[in-house]
Amino acid sequence: MRNDCETCVNYVYDEDCEESICTVNLDEDELVRFMEDSHYCCPYYRLDDEYAVVRRQM
């Protein structure tokens, strides 16, 4: 698990806010842990690997 939000599938661009946001609904404890602990790994992180399907087809 990782904390690199920019490569996570749950981190999407919101046109209304004109910024990227996390679509996972973290509870208060998880959010505090994520913001304060530099070693905390997000349990919802999934790599946004758009080539994964192509590699499986080969």
PDB file of N, CA and C in Angstrom:
ATOM      1  N   MET A   1       0.835  -1.181   0.000  1.00  0.00           N
ATOM      2  CA  MET A   1       0.000   0.000   0.000  1.00  0.00           C
ATOM      3  C   MET A   1       0.878   1.243   0.000  1.00  0.00           C
ATOM      4  N   ARG A   2       0.333   2.299  -0.595  1.00  0.00           N
ATOM      5  CA  ARG A   2       1.124   3.512  -0.748  1.00  0.00           C
ATOM      6  C   ARG A   2       0.308   4.742  -0.381  1.00  0.00           C
ATOM      7  N   ASN A   3       0.961   5.871  -0.373  1.00  0.00           N
ATOM      8  CA  ASN A   3       0.315   7.144  -0.084  1.00  0.00           C
ATOM      9  C   ASN A   3       0.353   8.098  -1.268  1.00  0.00           C
ATOM     10  N   ASP A   4       0.799   7.660  -2.399  1.00  0.00           N
ATOM     11  CA  ASP A   4       0.941   8.522  -3.560  1.00  0.00           C
ATOM     12  C   ASP A   4      -0.424   8.722  -4.221  1.00  0.00           C
ATOM     13  N   CYS A   5      -1.165   9.694  -3.748  1.00  0.00           N
ATOM     14  CA  CYS A   5      -2.545   9.898  -4.210  1.00  0.00           C
ATOM     15  C   CYS A   5      -2.638  10.153  -5.713  1.00  0.00           C
ATOM     16  N   GLU A   6      -1.661  10.806  -6.283  1.00  0.00           N
ATOM     17  CA  GLU A   6      -1.727  11.154  -7.698  1.00  0.00           C
ATOM     18  C   GLU A   6      -1.718   9.943  -8.620  1.00  0.00           C
ATOM     19  N   THR A   7      -1.264   8.795  -8.142  1.00  0.00           N
ATOM     20  CA  THR A   7      -1.261   7.587  -8.965  1.00  0.00           C
ATOM     21  C   THR A   7      -2.380   6.622  -8.574  1.00  0.00           C
ATOM     22  N   CYS A   8      -3.262   7.067  -7.701  1.00  0.00           N
ATOM     23  CA  CYS A   8      -4.352   6.217  -7.218  1.00  0.00           C
ATOM     24  C   CYS A   8      -5.578   6.354  -8.119  1.00  0.00           C
ATOM     25  N   VAL A   9      -6.266   5.250  -8.312  1.00  0.00           N
ATOM     26  CA  VAL A   9      -7.460   5.235  -9.145  1.00  0.00           C
ATOM     27  C   VAL A   9      -8.599   6.037  -8.490  1.00  0.00           C
ATOM     28  N   ASN A  10      -8.550   6.221  -7.177  1.00  0.00           N
ATOM     29  CA  ASN A  10      -9.589   6.954  -6.449  1.00  0.00           C
ATOM     30  C   ASN A  10      -9.381   8.464  -6.453  1.00  0.00           C
ATOM     31  N   TYR A  11      -8.290   8.931  -7.004  1.00  0.00           N
ATOM     32  CA  TYR A  11      -7.962  10.352  -7.054  1.00  0.00           C
ATOM     33  C   TYR A  11      -8.346  10.883  -8.425  1.00  0.00           C
ATOM     34  N   VAL A  12      -9.457  11.595  -8.509  1.00  0.00           N
ATOM     35  CA  VAL A  12      -9.999  12.026  -9.791  1.00  0.00           C
ATOM     36  C   VAL A  12     -10.164  13.540  -9.840  1.00  0.00           C
ATOM     37  N   TYR A  13     -10.206  14.059 -11.055  1.00  0.00           N
ATOM     38  CA  TYR A  13     -10.389  15.496 -11.259  1.00  0.00           C
ATOM     39  C   TYR A  13     -11.862  15.835 -11.184  1.00  0.00           C
ATOM     40  N   ASP A  14     -12.203  16.796 -10.344  1.00  0.00           N
ATOM     41  CA  ASP A  14     -13.574  17.263 -10.190  1.00  0.00           C
ATOM     42  C   ASP A  14     -13.707  18.585 -10.937  1.00  0.00           C
ATOM     43  N   GLU A  15     -14.512  18.590 -11.983  1.00  0.00           N
ATOM     44  CA  GLU A  15     -14.656  19.792 -12.809  1.00  0.00           C
ATOM     45  C   GLU A  15     -15.351  20.925 -12.072  1.00  0.00           C
ATOM     46  N   ASP A  16     -16.230  20.602 -11.136  1.00  0.00           N
ATOM     47  CA  ASP A  16     -16.927  21.645 -10.383  1.00  0.00           C
ATOM     48  C   ASP A  16     -15.966  22.424  -9.491  1.00  0.00           C
ATOM     49  N   CYS A  17     -15.087  21.709  -8.807  1.00  0.00           N
ATOM     50  CA  CYS A  17     -14.106  22.343  -7.915  1.00  0.00           C
ATOM     51  C   CYS A  17     -12.849  22.775  -8.656  1.00  0.00           C
ATOM     52  N   GLU A  18     -12.671  22.237  -9.850  1.00  0.00           N
ATOM     53  CA  GLU A  18     -11.480  22.476 -10.675  1.00  0.00           C
ATOM     54  C   GLU A  18     -10.201  22.046  -9.965  1.00  0.00           C
ATOM     55  N   GLU A  19     -10.281  20.890  -9.294  1.00  0.00           N
ATOM     56  CA  GLU A  19      -9.103  20.302  -8.659  1.00  0.00           C
ATOM     57  C   GLU A  19      -9.327  18.806  -8.499  1.00  0.00           C
ATOM     58  N   SER A  20      -8.259  18.090  -8.236  1.00  0.00           N
ATOM     59  CA  SER A  20      -8.349  16.642  -8.031  1.00  0.00           C
ATOM     60  C   SER A  20      -8.723  16.361  -6.585  1.00  0.00           C
ATOM     61  N   ILE A  21      -9.575  15.357  -6.397  1.00  0.00           N
ATOM     62  CA  ILE A  21     -10.021  14.988  -5.056  1.00  0.00           C
ATOM     63  C   ILE A  21     -10.015  13.473  -4.918  1.00  0.00           C
ATOM     64  N   CYS A  22      -9.986  13.015  -3.690  1.00  0.00           N
ATOM     65  CA  CYS A  22     -10.079  11.594  -3.398  1.00  0.00           C
ATOM     66  C   CYS A  22     -11.556  11.237  -3.273  1.00  0.00           C
ATOM     67  N   THR A  23     -11.986  10.201  -3.975  1.00  0.00           N
ATOM     68  CA  THR A  23     -13.395   9.812  -3.953  1.00  0.00           C
ATOM     69  C   THR A  23     -13.728   8.846  -2.822  1.00  0.00           C
ATOM     70  N   VAL A  24     -12.721   8.409  -2.074  1.00  0.00           N
ATOM     71  CA  VAL A  24     -12.950   7.513  -0.943  1.00  0.00           C
ATOM     72  C   VAL A  24     -13.454   8.341   0.235  1.00  0.00           C
ATOM     73  N   ASN A  25     -14.458   7.842   0.884  1.00  0.00           N
ATOM     74  CA  ASN A  25     -15.041   8.514   2.034  1.00  0.00           C
ATOM     75  C   ASN A  25     -14.329   8.024   3.296  1.00  0.00           C
ATOM     76  N   LEU A  26     -13.256   8.712   3.690  1.00  0.00           N
ATOM     77  CA  LEU A  26     -12.501   8.327   4.883  1.00  0.00           C
ATOM     78  C   LEU A  26     -13.251   8.775   6.128  1.00  0.00           C
ATOM     79  N   ASP A  27     -13.227   7.925   7.161  1.00  0.00           N
ATOM     80  CA  ASP A  27     -13.825   8.379   8.417  1.00  0.00           C
ATOM     81  C   ASP A  27     -12.833   9.314   9.111  1.00  0.00           C
ATOM     82  N   GLU A  28     -13.263   9.947  10.174  1.00  0.00           N
ATOM     83  CA  GLU A  28     -12.458  10.969  10.824  1.00  0.00           C
ATOM     84  C   GLU A  28     -11.125  10.432  11.333  1.00  0.00           C
ATOM     85  N   ASP A  29     -11.127   9.249  11.921  1.00  0.00           N
ATOM     86  CA  ASP A  29      -9.889   8.666  12.443  1.00  0.00           C
ATOM     87  C   ASP A  29      -8.893   8.373  11.323  1.00  0.00           C
ATOM     88  N   GLU A  30      -9.373   7.819  10.223  1.00  0.00           N
ATOM     89  CA  GLU A  30      -8.492   7.521   9.083  1.00  0.00           C
ATOM     90  C   GLU A  30      -7.912   8.798   8.501  1.00  0.00           C
ATOM     91  N   LEU A  31      -8.722   9.824   8.390  1.00  0.00           N
ATOM     92  CA  LEU A  31      -8.253  11.088   7.825  1.00  0.00           C
ATOM     93  C   LEU A  31      -7.165  11.717   8.701  1.00  0.00           C
ATOM     94  N   VAL A  32      -7.361  11.715   9.999  1.00  0.00           N
ATOM     95  CA  VAL A  32      -6.357  12.266  10.912  1.00  0.00           C
ATOM     96  C   VAL A  32      -5.069  11.461  10.818  1.00  0.00           C
ATOM     97  N   ARG A  33      -5.179  10.142  10.811  1.00  0.00           N
ATOM     98  CA  ARG A  33      -4.002   9.283  10.707  1.00  0.00           C
ATOM     99  C   ARG A  33      -3.268   9.542   9.382  1.00  0.00           C
ATOM    100  N   PHE A  34      -4.016   9.675   8.315  1.00  0.00           N
ATOM    101  CA  PHE A  34      -3.424   9.918   6.997  1.00  0.00           C
ATOM    102  C   PHE A  34      -2.693  11.261   6.953  1.00  0.00           C
ATOM    103  N   MET A  35      -3.275  12.281   7.557  1.00  0.00           N
ATOM    104  CA  MET A  35      -2.690  13.620   7.510  1.00  0.00           C
ATOM    105  C   MET A  35      -1.483  13.773   8.451  1.00  0.00           C
ATOM    106  N   GLU A  36      -1.487  13.080   9.583  1.00  0.00           N
ATOM    107  CA  GLU A  36      -0.443  13.288  10.587  1.00  0.00           C
ATOM    108  C   GLU A  36       0.701  12.279  10.533  1.00  0.00           C
ATOM    109  N   ASP A  37       0.423  11.049  10.147  1.00  0.00           N
ATOM    110  CA  ASP A  37       1.441  10.001  10.166  1.00  0.00           C
ATOM    111  C   ASP A  37       2.065   9.854   8.783  1.00  0.00           C
ATOM    112  N   SER A  38       3.335  10.190   8.677  1.00  0.00           N
ATOM    113  CA  SER A  38       4.002  10.135   7.369  1.00  0.00           C
ATOM    114  C   SER A  38       4.236   8.698   6.893  1.00  0.00           C
ATOM    115  N   HIS A  39       4.125   7.718   7.784  1.00  0.00           N
ATOM    116  CA  HIS A  39       4.337   6.320   7.417  1.00  0.00           C
ATOM    117  C   HIS A  39       3.033   5.556   7.206  1.00  0.00           C
ATOM    118  N   TYR A  40       1.905   6.244   7.347  1.00  0.00           N
ATOM    119  CA  TYR A  40       0.598   5.593   7.181  1.00  0.00           C
ATOM    120  C   TYR A  40       0.368   5.275   5.716  1.00  0.00           C
ATOM    121  N   CYS A  41      -0.058   4.053   5.441  1.00  0.00           N
ATOM    122  CA  CYS A  41      -0.359   3.633   4.077  1.00  0.00           C
ATOM    123  C   CYS A  41      -1.871   3.528   3.905  1.00  0.00           C
ATOM    124  N   CYS A  42      -2.377   4.195   2.929  1.00  0.00           N
ATOM    125  CA  CYS A  42      -3.817   4.221   2.678  1.00  0.00           C
ATOM    126  C   CYS A  42      -4.312   2.826   2.286  1.00  0.00           C
ATOM    127  N   PRO A  43      -5.297   2.297   3.004  1.00  0.00           N
ATOM    128  CA  PRO A  43      -5.808   0.959   2.682  1.00  0.00           C
ATOM    129  C   PRO A  43      -6.651   0.927   1.413  1.00  0.00           C
ATOM    130  N   TYR A  44      -6.999   2.088   0.886  1.00  0.00           N
ATOM    131  CA  TYR A  44      -7.849   2.169  -0.306  1.00  0.00           C
ATOM    132  C   TYR A  44      -7.050   2.444  -1.581  1.00  0.00           C
ATOM    133  N   TYR A  45      -5.731   2.554  -1.432  1.00  0.00           N
ATOM    134  CA  TYR A  45      -4.880   2.856  -2.586  1.00  0.00           C
ATOM    135  C   TYR A  45      -4.930   1.725  -3.614  1.00  0.00           C
ATOM    136  N   ARG A  46      -5.200   2.094  -4.861  1.00  0.00           N
ATOM    137  CA  ARG A  46      -5.129   1.153  -5.986  1.00  0.00           C
ATOM    138  C   ARG A  46      -4.443   1.874  -7.127  1.00  0.00           C
ATOM    139  N   LEU A  47      -3.385   1.282  -7.638  1.00  0.00           N
ATOM    140  CA  LEU A  47      -2.615   1.890  -8.711  1.00  0.00           C
ATOM    141  C   LEU A  47      -3.481   2.081  -9.945  1.00  0.00           C
ATOM    142  N   ASP A  48      -3.457   3.288 -10.482  1.00  0.00           N
ATOM    143  CA  ASP A  48      -4.191   3.596 -11.708  1.00  0.00           C
ATOM    144  C   ASP A  48      -3.325   3.195 -12.897  1.00  0.00           C
ATOM    145  N   ASP A  49      -3.312   1.914 -13.185  1.00  0.00           N
ATOM    146  CA  ASP A  49      -2.474   1.351 -14.238  1.00  0.00           C
ATOM    147  C   ASP A  49      -3.331   1.063 -15.461  1.00  0.00           C
ATOM    148  N   GLU A  50      -3.393   2.030 -16.368  1.00  0.00           N
ATOM    149  CA  GLU A  50      -4.256   1.881 -17.538  1.00  0.00           C
ATOM    150  C   GLU A  50      -3.760   0.843 -18.534  1.00  0.00           C
ATOM    151  N   TYR A  51      -2.538   0.380 -18.372  1.00  0.00           N
ATOM    152  CA  TYR A  51      -1.984  -0.628 -19.282  1.00  0.00           C
ATOM    153  C   TYR A  51      -2.125  -2.043 -18.754  1.00  0.00           C
ATOM    154  N   ALA A  52      -2.685  -2.228 -17.578  1.00  0.00           N
ATOM    155  CA  ALA A  52      -2.816  -3.551 -16.963  1.00  0.00           C
ATOM    156  C   ALA A  52      -3.659  -4.488 -17.835  1.00  0.00           C
ATOM    157  N   VAL A  53      -4.724  -3.978 -18.402  1.00  0.00           N
ATOM    158  CA  VAL A  53      -5.598  -4.794 -19.251  1.00  0.00           C
ATOM    159  C   VAL A  53      -4.862  -5.236 -20.503  1.00  0.00           C
ATOM    160  N   VAL A  54      -4.073  -4.357 -21.091  1.00  0.00           N
ATOM    161  CA  VAL A  54      -3.334  -4.685 -22.302  1.00  0.00           C
ATOM    162  C   VAL A  54      -2.309  -5.780 -22.017  1.00  0.00           C
ATOM    163  N   ARG A  55      -1.628  -5.688 -20.872  1.00  0.00           N
ATOM    164  CA  ARG A  55      -0.635  -6.706 -20.524  1.00  0.00           C
ATOM    165  C   ARG A  55      -1.301  -8.075 -20.330  1.00  0.00           C
ATOM    166  N   ARG A  56      -2.495  -8.112 -19.790  1.00  0.00           N
ATOM    167  CA  ARG A  56      -3.194  -9.385 -19.598  1.00  0.00           C
ATOM    168  C   ARG A  56      -3.610 -10.005 -20.920  1.00  0.00           C
ATOM    169  N   GLN A  57      -3.888  -9.198 -21.919  1.00  0.00           N
ATOM    170  CA  GLN A  57      -4.362  -9.696 -23.201  1.00  0.00           C
ATOM    171  C   GLN A  57      -3.230 -10.304 -24.012  1.00  0.00           C
ATOM    172  N   MET A  58      -2.004  -9.974 -23.712  1.00  0.00           N
ATOM    173  CA  MET A  58      -0.863 -10.472 -24.496  1.00  0.00           C
ATOM    174  C   MET A  58      -0.573 -11.901 -24.208  1.00  0.00           C
TER     175      MET A  58
END
